[in-house]
Amino acid sequence: DVQLVESGGGAVQPGGSLRLSCAPSGYTYSSYCMGWFRQAPGKEREGVASINSAGGSTYAQPLVGRGSVSRDNAKNTLYLQMSSLRPDDTAIYYCALTPMEGSTCVRPYKSWGQGTQVTVS
């Protein structure tokens, strides 16, 4: 089974930074997408960033200019570096993994982590 374990969440003051990590295991996809999503209280889950196995990355509006997604292949770890954090960034952040079909990420994402809480106040 695919497992995803997030870490790095916590409480931070507005304007601060955090780096989230995600360690995937048990997957056998030769090409895949890994994404970061978040869900704030009372709101729907939204995507914030993704990176595929070829290294291509995308960012959703909430983190454009304030976030950076990267992957350390040697450590098999996905990162989300966030800066200039705002109170409306408060949410549970989830890491997810899905295979690619051609150049497209299969949606919905197939595997999800348990999430890590980020609180900005």
Protein backbone atom coordinates (compact mmCIF):
# COMPACT_ATOMS: atom_id res chain seq x y z
CA ASP A 1 0.00 0.00 0.00
CA VAL A 2 1.06 3.53 -0.69
CA GLN A 3 1.75 5.54 2.43
CA LEU A 4 2.42 9.25 2.73
CA VAL A 5 3.66 10.80 5.95
CA GLU A 6 3.65 14.56 6.34
CA SER A 7 5.63 16.53 8.88
CA GLY A 8 6.76 20.06 9.57
CA GLY A 9 3.49 21.73 10.45
CA GLY A 10 3.07 23.90 13.49
CA ALA A 11 2.25 27.36 14.73
CA VAL A 12 3.90 30.39 13.19
CA GLN A 13 3.39 34.12 13.35
CA PRO A 14 2.15 36.08 10.33
CA GLY A 15 5.01 36.77 7.98
CA GLY A 16 6.85 33.64 9.08
CA SER A 17 7.95 30.60 7.13
CA LEU A 18 7.48 26.85 7.33
CA ARG A 19 8.75 23.90 5.40
CA LEU A 20 6.49 20.88 5.14
CA SER A 21 7.86 17.45 4.28
CA CYS A 22 6.22 14.36 2.87
CA ALA A 23 7.77 10.91 2.75
CA PRO A 24 6.06 8.54 0.33
CA SER A 25 6.49 4.78 0.34
CA GLY A 26 5.03 1.71 -1.27
CA TYR A 27 4.37 3.20 -4.68
CA THR A 28 5.47 1.63 -7.93
CA TYR A 29 4.47 4.26 -10.47
CA SER A 30 7.17 5.02 -12.98
CA SER A 31 5.70 8.45 -13.59
CA TYR A 32 3.67 10.27 -10.98
CA CYS A 33 2.52 13.55 -9.57
CA MET A 34 2.86 14.60 -5.98
CA GLY A 35 0.75 17.41 -4.70
CA TRP A 36 0.12 19.55 -1.67
CA PHE A 37 -3.45 20.34 -0.76
CA ARG A 38 -4.96 22.15 2.18
CA GLN A 39 -8.28 22.36 3.94
CA ALA A 40 -9.19 25.23 6.20
CA PRO A 41 -12.00 24.97 8.75
CA GLY A 42 -15.36 25.20 7.04
CA LYS A 43 -13.84 25.25 3.56
CA GLU A 44 -13.33 22.74 0.80
CA ARG A 45 -9.96 21.18 0.21
CA GLU A 46 -7.89 23.04 -2.38
CA GLY A 47 -4.71 22.28 -4.22
CA VAL A 48 -1.75 24.52 -3.55
CA ALA A 49 1.19 23.03 -5.46
CA SER A 50 2.32 19.95 -7.31
CA ILE A 51 5.39 18.43 -8.88
CA ASN A 52 5.68 15.52 -11.23
CA SER A 53 8.32 12.86 -11.66
CA ALA A 54 9.87 14.84 -14.52
CA GLY A 55 10.34 17.80 -12.22
CA GLY A 56 7.62 20.01 -13.58
CA SER A 57 5.82 22.04 -10.91
CA THR A 58 2.62 24.01 -10.70
CA TYR A 59 1.25 26.41 -8.12
CA ALA A 60 -2.26 27.44 -7.27
CA GLN A 61 -3.12 31.05 -6.58
CA PRO A 62 -3.03 30.86 -2.77
CA LEU A 63 0.72 30.26 -2.75
CA VAL A 64 1.91 31.90 -5.94
CA GLY A 65 5.00 33.87 -5.08
CA ARG A 66 5.06 32.55 -1.51
CA GLY A 67 5.53 28.82 -1.95
CA SER A 68 8.05 26.48 -3.47
CA VAL A 69 7.54 22.78 -4.05
CA SER A 70 10.55 20.53 -4.48
CA ARG A 71 11.57 16.91 -4.34
CA ASP A 72 14.74 15.37 -3.00
CA ASN A 73 15.09 12.11 -4.90
CA ALA A 74 17.97 10.89 -2.74
CA LYS A 75 15.82 11.24 0.37
CA ASN A 76 12.60 10.34 -1.44
CA THR A 77 10.97 13.34 0.16
CA LEU A 78 8.65 16.05 -1.09
CA TYR A 79 8.84 19.54 0.37
CA LEU A 80 6.66 22.61 0.45
CA GLN A 81 8.47 25.75 1.52
CA MET A 82 6.07 28.51 2.47
CA SER A 83 6.94 32.08 3.33
CA SER A 84 5.13 35.31 4.16
CA LEU A 85 2.49 33.21 5.84
CA ARG A 86 -0.87 34.80 6.58
CA PRO A 87 -3.67 33.84 8.96
CA ASP A 88 -5.72 32.62 6.00
CA ASP A 89 -3.02 30.03 5.31
CA THR A 90 -4.17 28.27 8.47
CA ALA A 91 -5.28 24.79 7.43
CA ILE A 92 -4.50 21.13 7.48
CA TYR A 93 -1.99 20.48 4.73
CA TYR A 94 -2.08 17.16 2.92
CA CYS A 95 0.41 15.44 0.69
CA ALA A 96 -0.98 13.29 -2.12
CA LEU A 97 0.34 11.01 -4.85
CA THR A 98 -1.14 9.84 -8.12
CA PRO A 99 0.16 8.23 -11.29
CA MET A 100 0.45 10.07 -14.56
CA GLU A 101 -1.26 9.06 -17.78
CA GLY A 102 0.79 10.60 -20.53
CA SER A 103 1.52 14.11 -19.36
CA THR A 104 -1.53 14.35 -17.10
CA CYS A 105 -1.90 13.63 -13.41
CA VAL A 106 -4.68 11.14 -12.76
CA ARG A 107 -7.39 12.86 -10.75
CA PRO A 108 -8.60 12.60 -8.16
CA TYR A 109 -5.27 11.87 -6.51
CA LYS A 110 -5.18 8.24 -5.48
CA SER A 111 -3.24 8.29 -2.22
CA TRP A 112 -3.31 10.76 0.65
CA GLY A 113 -1.43 11.40 3.83
CA GLN A 114 -3.04 12.12 7.18
CA GLY A 115 -2.24 15.80 7.05
CA THR A 116 -0.26 18.24 9.15
CA GLN A 117 -1.72 21.29 10.85
CA VAL A 118 -0.42 24.73 10.01
CA THR A 119 -1.62 27.58 12.20
CA VAL A 120 -0.72 31.18 11.46
CA SER A 121 -1.61 33.60 14.25
